[in-house]
C-alpha cells in the first residue's frame, strides 16, 4: 500500500487523497484542499472566476469559486 502526506498537517494518508479525514473535516469540504483549481505543489489558485486567481492559497481557505476535484 502506497501512502502520501496530508497537504495540511503532513500526516500519512492513503495514496490519492489530498488531506487526512480530520483536516478535511476541520477545513470543510469546500476548501482549497478539495478544489479542482488548487495546485497542491505551488498552492496557487488557477480558477479564472475566483477573486484569488493567481494567488497562493492556504488549503483550508474557502471561496465562492470552489469546484469539486474530478
N, C-alpha and C. Protein backbone atom coordinates (compact mmCIF):
# COMPACT_ATOMS: atom_id res chain seq x y z
N UNK A 1 0.84 -1.19 0.00
CA UNK A 1 0.00 0.00 0.00
C UNK A 1 0.88 1.24 0.00
N UNK A 2 0.66 2.11 -0.98
CA UNK A 2 1.40 3.35 -1.05
C UNK A 2 0.72 4.40 -0.19
N UNK A 3 1.48 5.42 0.18
CA UNK A 3 0.92 6.47 1.01
C UNK A 3 1.45 7.83 0.57
N UNK A 4 0.68 8.84 0.82
CA UNK A 4 1.05 10.23 0.58
C UNK A 4 1.00 10.95 1.91
N UNK A 5 1.20 12.25 1.86
CA UNK A 5 1.12 13.09 3.05
C UNK A 5 -0.02 14.08 2.92
N UNK A 6 -0.70 14.32 4.02
CA UNK A 6 -1.77 15.32 4.06
C UNK A 6 -1.16 16.68 3.73
N UNK A 7 -1.79 17.43 2.81
CA UNK A 7 -1.24 18.73 2.41
C UNK A 7 -1.42 19.80 3.47
N UNK A 8 -2.20 19.50 4.51
CA UNK A 8 -2.42 20.48 5.58
C UNK A 8 -1.53 20.19 6.79
N UNK A 9 -1.56 18.96 7.30
CA UNK A 9 -0.83 18.66 8.53
C UNK A 9 0.38 17.75 8.33
N UNK A 10 0.48 17.12 7.16
CA UNK A 10 1.62 16.25 6.90
C UNK A 10 1.47 14.81 7.35
N UNK A 11 0.32 14.45 7.87
CA UNK A 11 0.09 13.07 8.32
C UNK A 11 0.12 12.13 7.12
N UNK A 12 0.50 10.89 7.35
CA UNK A 12 0.50 9.88 6.29
C UNK A 12 -0.94 9.49 5.98
N UNK A 13 -1.29 9.51 4.69
CA UNK A 13 -2.64 9.18 4.24
C UNK A 13 -2.56 8.23 3.05
N UNK A 14 -3.63 7.52 2.71
CA UNK A 14 -3.62 6.64 1.55
C UNK A 14 -3.34 7.41 0.26
N UNK A 15 -2.68 6.78 -0.68
CA UNK A 15 -2.36 7.41 -1.96
C UNK A 15 -3.62 7.88 -2.66
N UNK A 16 -3.55 9.04 -3.26
CA UNK A 16 -4.69 9.58 -3.99
C UNK A 16 -5.52 10.56 -3.19
N UNK A 17 -5.36 10.59 -1.88
CA UNK A 17 -6.10 11.55 -1.04
C UNK A 17 -5.31 12.85 -0.99
N UNK A 18 -5.97 13.94 -0.72
CA UNK A 18 -5.32 15.24 -0.60
C UNK A 18 -5.04 15.60 0.85
N UNK A 19 -5.96 15.23 1.71
CA UNK A 19 -5.85 15.59 3.12
C UNK A 19 -6.38 14.45 3.97
N UNK A 20 -5.95 14.42 5.22
CA UNK A 20 -6.42 13.39 6.14
C UNK A 20 -7.87 13.70 6.53
N UNK A 21 -8.62 12.71 6.98
CA UNK A 21 -10.03 12.95 7.33
C UNK A 21 -10.22 14.06 8.35
N UNK A 22 -9.34 14.15 9.33
CA UNK A 22 -9.50 15.17 10.36
C UNK A 22 -9.32 16.57 9.78
N UNK A 23 -8.34 16.77 8.90
CA UNK A 23 -8.14 18.08 8.28
C UNK A 23 -9.26 18.40 7.30
N UNK A 24 -9.74 17.41 6.56
CA UNK A 24 -10.86 17.64 5.65
C UNK A 24 -12.08 18.11 6.41
N UNK A 25 -12.33 17.49 7.56
CA UNK A 25 -13.49 17.87 8.36
C UNK A 25 -13.30 19.27 8.93
N UNK A 26 -12.10 19.56 9.43
CA UNK A 26 -11.83 20.86 10.03
C UNK A 26 -11.87 21.98 8.97
N UNK A 27 -11.32 21.71 7.80
CA UNK A 27 -11.26 22.73 6.75
C UNK A 27 -12.60 22.89 6.06
N UNK A 28 -13.44 21.91 6.19
CA UNK A 28 -14.71 21.93 5.48
C UNK A 28 -14.52 21.30 4.11
N UNK A 29 -15.55 20.72 3.62
CA UNK A 29 -15.44 20.01 2.35
C UNK A 29 -15.17 20.95 1.18
N UNK A 30 -15.67 22.14 1.23
CA UNK A 30 -15.48 23.08 0.13
C UNK A 30 -14.34 24.05 0.43
N UNK A 31 -13.15 23.50 0.56
CA UNK A 31 -11.97 24.31 0.82
C UNK A 31 -10.99 24.15 -0.34
N UNK A 32 -9.96 24.96 -0.36
CA UNK A 32 -8.96 24.86 -1.43
C UNK A 32 -8.34 23.46 -1.50
N UNK A 33 -8.24 22.78 -0.37
CA UNK A 33 -7.65 21.45 -0.35
C UNK A 33 -8.43 20.47 -1.21
N UNK A 34 -9.72 20.73 -1.45
CA UNK A 34 -10.53 19.82 -2.24
C UNK A 34 -11.02 20.46 -3.54
N UNK A 35 -10.48 21.61 -3.90
CA UNK A 35 -10.93 22.34 -5.09
C UNK A 35 -10.16 21.90 -6.33
N UNK A 36 -10.86 21.83 -7.44
CA UNK A 36 -10.29 21.48 -8.73
C UNK A 36 -9.17 22.43 -9.13
N UNK A 37 -9.25 23.69 -8.74
CA UNK A 37 -8.32 24.70 -9.19
C UNK A 37 -7.15 24.99 -8.25
N UNK A 38 -7.07 24.28 -7.13
CA UNK A 38 -5.96 24.48 -6.18
C UNK A 38 -4.81 23.55 -6.55
N UNK A 39 -3.65 24.13 -6.86
CA UNK A 39 -2.48 23.34 -7.21
C UNK A 39 -1.76 22.92 -5.93
N UNK A 40 -1.64 21.62 -5.71
CA UNK A 40 -1.06 21.11 -4.48
C UNK A 40 0.44 21.36 -4.37
N UNK A 41 1.11 21.56 -5.49
CA UNK A 41 2.55 21.79 -5.45
C UNK A 41 2.86 23.25 -5.12
N UNK A 42 2.24 24.16 -5.86
CA UNK A 42 2.55 25.59 -5.66
C UNK A 42 1.57 26.30 -4.73
N UNK A 43 0.44 25.67 -4.44
CA UNK A 43 -0.64 26.24 -3.63
C UNK A 43 -1.26 27.46 -4.30
N UNK A 44 -1.19 27.53 -5.62
CA UNK A 44 -1.77 28.65 -6.35
C UNK A 44 -3.16 28.30 -6.86
N UNK A 45 -4.00 29.31 -6.95
CA UNK A 45 -5.35 29.14 -7.47
C UNK A 45 -5.34 29.45 -8.97
N UNK A 46 -5.93 28.56 -9.75
CA UNK A 46 -5.99 28.78 -11.20
C UNK A 46 -7.41 28.94 -11.71
N UNK A 47 -8.35 29.26 -10.82
CA UNK A 47 -9.74 29.45 -11.21
C UNK A 47 -9.93 30.89 -11.69
N UNK A 48 -10.18 31.06 -12.98
CA UNK A 48 -10.35 32.39 -13.56
C UNK A 48 -11.52 33.16 -12.99
N UNK A 49 -12.49 32.47 -12.37
CA UNK A 49 -13.66 33.13 -11.79
C UNK A 49 -13.48 33.52 -10.33
N UNK A 50 -12.37 33.11 -9.72
CA UNK A 50 -12.15 33.38 -8.30
C UNK A 50 -11.46 34.73 -8.09
N UNK A 51 -11.78 35.37 -6.98
CA UNK A 51 -11.09 36.62 -6.63
C UNK A 51 -9.66 36.33 -6.21
N UNK A 52 -9.32 35.06 -5.94
CA UNK A 52 -7.98 34.65 -5.52
C UNK A 52 -7.15 34.09 -6.68
N UNK A 53 -7.65 34.16 -7.92
CA UNK A 53 -6.93 33.59 -9.05
C UNK A 53 -5.51 34.15 -9.12
N UNK A 54 -4.57 33.26 -9.32
CA UNK A 54 -3.17 33.66 -9.40
C UNK A 54 -2.51 33.84 -8.05
N UNK A 55 -3.28 33.82 -6.97
CA UNK A 55 -2.73 33.98 -5.62
C UNK A 55 -2.35 32.62 -5.03
N UNK A 56 -1.46 32.65 -4.07
CA UNK A 56 -1.17 31.46 -3.29
C UNK A 56 -2.28 31.34 -2.25
N UNK A 57 -2.87 30.15 -2.14
CA UNK A 57 -3.99 29.96 -1.22
C UNK A 57 -3.69 28.84 -0.23
N UNK A 58 -4.09 29.04 1.00
CA UNK A 58 -3.96 28.01 2.03
C UNK A 58 -4.97 26.91 1.75
N UNK A 59 -4.62 25.65 2.04
CA UNK A 59 -5.55 24.55 1.78
C UNK A 59 -6.90 24.69 2.48
N UNK A 60 -6.94 25.37 3.64
CA UNK A 60 -8.21 25.47 4.35
C UNK A 60 -9.01 26.71 3.96
N UNK A 61 -8.50 27.55 3.06
CA UNK A 61 -9.23 28.72 2.59
C UNK A 61 -10.47 28.28 1.79
N UNK A 62 -11.52 29.06 1.86
CA UNK A 62 -12.77 28.77 1.14
C UNK A 62 -13.14 30.00 0.33
N UNK A 63 -13.58 29.79 -0.93
CA UNK A 63 -14.04 30.93 -1.74
C UNK A 63 -15.27 30.55 -2.53
N UNK A 64 -15.86 31.55 -3.19
CA UNK A 64 -17.08 31.34 -3.96
C UNK A 64 -16.85 30.57 -5.25
N UNK A 65 -15.59 30.44 -5.68
CA UNK A 65 -15.30 29.76 -6.93
C UNK A 65 -14.98 28.29 -6.80
N UNK A 66 -15.21 27.71 -5.61
CA UNK A 66 -14.87 26.30 -5.38
C UNK A 66 -15.60 25.38 -6.33
N UNK A 67 -14.86 24.41 -6.87
CA UNK A 67 -15.44 23.34 -7.68
C UNK A 67 -14.80 22.03 -7.27
N UNK A 68 -15.60 20.98 -7.17
CA UNK A 68 -15.10 19.68 -6.71
C UNK A 68 -14.08 19.11 -7.68
N UNK A 69 -13.01 18.53 -7.09
CA UNK A 69 -11.98 17.87 -7.90
C UNK A 69 -12.55 16.67 -8.63
N UNK A 70 -12.11 16.49 -9.84
CA UNK A 70 -12.52 15.34 -10.63
C UNK A 70 -11.50 14.23 -10.52
